[in-house]
C-alpha atoms as a PDB file:
ATOM      1  CA  MET A   1     -11.370   7.550  17.539  1.00  0.00           C
ATOM      2  CA  SER A   2     -13.112  10.562  18.363  1.00  0.00           C
ATOM      3  CA  ILE A   3     -15.056  12.060  14.876  1.00  0.00           C
ATOM      4  CA  PRO A   4     -16.562  15.497  15.873  1.00  0.00           C
ATOM      5  CA  LYS A   5     -19.530  17.121  14.446  1.00  0.00           C
ATOM      6  CA  ALA A   6     -21.100  14.193  12.796  1.00  0.00           C
ATOM      7  CA  SER A   7     -24.298  14.321  12.637  1.00  0.00           C
ATOM      8  CA  ARG A   8     -25.549  11.962  15.677  1.00  0.00           C
ATOM      9  CA  ASN A   9     -23.985  10.667  18.422  1.00  0.00           C
ATOM     10  CA  LEU A  10     -22.590   6.956  17.841  1.00  0.00           C
ATOM     11  CA  ILE A  11     -19.953   4.719  19.499  1.00  0.00           C
ATOM     12  CA  LYS A  12     -18.860   1.616  16.606  1.00  0.00           C
ATOM     13  CA  LYS A  13     -16.361  -0.830  17.758  1.00  0.00           C
ATOM     14  CA  GLU A  14     -13.919  -1.583  15.084  1.00  0.00           C
ATOM     15  CA  ASN A  15     -11.659  -4.038  15.387  1.00  0.00           C
ATOM     16  CA  SER A  16      -9.887  -3.980  18.871  1.00  0.00           C
ATOM     17  CA  TYR A  17     -10.850  -0.082  19.347  1.00  0.00           C
ATOM     18  CA  PHE A  18     -13.838   2.134  19.676  1.00  0.00           C
ATOM     19  CA  LYS A  19     -14.811   4.480  17.308  1.00  0.00           C
ATOM     20  CA  ALA A  20     -17.307   7.310  18.898  1.00  0.00           C
ATOM     21  CA  TYR A  21     -18.775   9.982  15.978  1.00  0.00           C
ATOM     22  CA  LEU A  22     -20.116  13.574  18.372  1.00  0.00           C
ATOM     23  CA  THR A  23     -22.102  16.004  17.335  1.00  0.00           C
ATOM     24  CA  GLN A  24     -20.073  18.142  19.319  1.00  0.00           C
ATOM     25  CA  PRO A  25     -17.065  20.360  17.915  1.00  0.00           C
ATOM     26  CA  ALA A  26     -13.771  20.144  19.604  1.00  0.00           C
ATOM     27  CA  HIS A  27     -13.283  23.593  20.871  1.00  0.00           C
ATOM     28  CA  ASN A  28     -13.283  24.331  24.075  1.00  0.00           C
ATOM     29  CA  GLY A  29     -13.161  20.119  25.545  1.00  0.00           C
ATOM     30  CA  LEU A  30     -16.924  20.129  24.102  1.00  0.00           C
ATOM     31  CA  ALA A  31     -16.258  16.839  22.407  1.00  0.00           C
ATOM     32  CA  ASN A  32     -13.766  15.994  25.195  1.00  0.00           C
ATOM     33  CA  LYS A  33     -17.025  15.872  27.620  1.00  0.00           C
ATOM     34  CA  GLN A  34     -19.208  14.405  25.173  1.00  0.00           C
ATOM     35  CA  LEU A  35     -17.156  11.419  24.582  1.00  0.00           C
ATOM     36  CA  ILE A  36     -17.404  10.532  28.428  1.00  0.00           C
ATOM     37  CA  GLU A  37     -20.412  10.795  28.893  1.00  0.00           C
ATOM     38  CA  LEU A  38     -21.662   8.716  25.737  1.00  0.00           C
ATOM     39  CA  LEU A  39     -18.476   6.042  26.879  1.00  0.00           C
ATOM     40  CA  ALA A  40     -20.081   5.875  30.704  1.00  0.00           C
ATOM     41  CA  GLY A  41     -23.476   5.738  28.937  1.00  0.00           C
ATOM     42  CA  HIS A  42     -22.440   2.364  26.721  1.00  0.00           C
ATOM     43  CA  LEU A  43     -20.181   0.624  29.239  1.00  0.00           C
ATOM     44  CA  LYS A  44     -22.613   1.325  31.907  1.00  0.00           C
ATOM     45  CA  VAL A  45     -19.838   3.369  34.504  1.00  0.00           C
ATOM     46  CA  ARG A  46     -20.247   6.782  35.795  1.00  0.00           C
ATOM     47  CA  LYS A  47     -18.478  10.009  34.204  1.00  0.00           C
ATOM     48  CA  TYR A  48     -16.125   9.987  36.582  1.00  0.00           C
ATOM     49  CA  GLN A  49     -14.820   7.039  36.192  1.00  0.00           C
ATOM     50  CA  ILE A  50     -13.590   7.514  33.178  1.00  0.00           C
ATOM     51  CA  LYS A  51      -9.779  10.149  32.375  1.00  0.00           C
ATOM     52  CA  ILE A  52      -8.425  11.169  29.290  1.00  0.00           C
ATOM     53  CA  ILE A  53      -5.066   9.019  29.703  1.00  0.00           C
ATOM     54  CA  LYS A  54      -3.506  10.108  26.106  1.00  0.00           C
ATOM     55  CA  GLY A  55      -4.682  12.151  23.604  1.00  0.00           C
ATOM     56  CA  GLU A  56      -6.795  14.788  24.504  1.00  0.00           C
ATOM     57  CA  LYS A  57      -5.633  17.455  22.014  1.00  0.00           C
ATOM     58  CA  SER A  58      -6.070  14.272  19.322  1.00  0.00           C
ATOM     59  CA  ARG A  59      -8.455  12.291  17.613  1.00  0.00           C
ATOM     60  CA  ASN A  60      -6.773   9.413  19.011  1.00  0.00           C
ATOM     61  CA  LYS A  61      -7.545   9.112  22.570  1.00  0.00           C
ATOM     62  CA  VAL A  62      -6.392   6.199  25.376  1.00  0.00           C
ATOM     63  CA  ILE A  63      -8.993   5.595  27.773  1.00  0.00           C
ATOM     64  CA  GLY A  64      -9.110   4.762  31.445  1.00  0.00           C
ATOM     65  CA  ILE A  65     -11.608   3.171  33.570  1.00  0.00           C
ATOM     66  CA  ASP A  66     -11.436   2.479  37.120  1.00  0.00           C
ATOM     67  CA  THR A  67     -13.499  -0.629  38.119  1.00  0.00           C
ATOM     68  CA  THR A  68     -12.331  -0.152  41.594  1.00  0.00           C
ATOM     69  CA  VAL A  69     -14.142   3.024  42.994  1.00  0.00           C
ATOM     70  CA  ASP A  70     -18.067   1.090  43.378  1.00  0.00           C
ATOM     71  CA  ALA A  71     -16.108  -2.410  44.607  1.00  0.00           C
ATOM     72  CA  GLY A  72     -17.295  -1.615  47.985  1.00  0.00           C
ATOM     73  CA  LYS A  73     -20.842   0.019  47.293  1.00  0.00           C
ATOM     74  CA  LYS A  74     -23.444  -2.635  47.069  1.00  0.00           C
END
């Protein structure tokens, strides 16, 4: 779940999902972009490995993370 226009950026784990508080508004994809950046830092993956699979215009989202991208690199 993402919450735009929060007072600070924060990711909390609640039960089996994450709740993301974002400072950007949900306008022109700004909150989605910030969500990807925040998740990348939190999960220690690159931004291009994270995709919004479902819920691009919803607070509830399904996120995909491609962990095979850097598998061959050392």
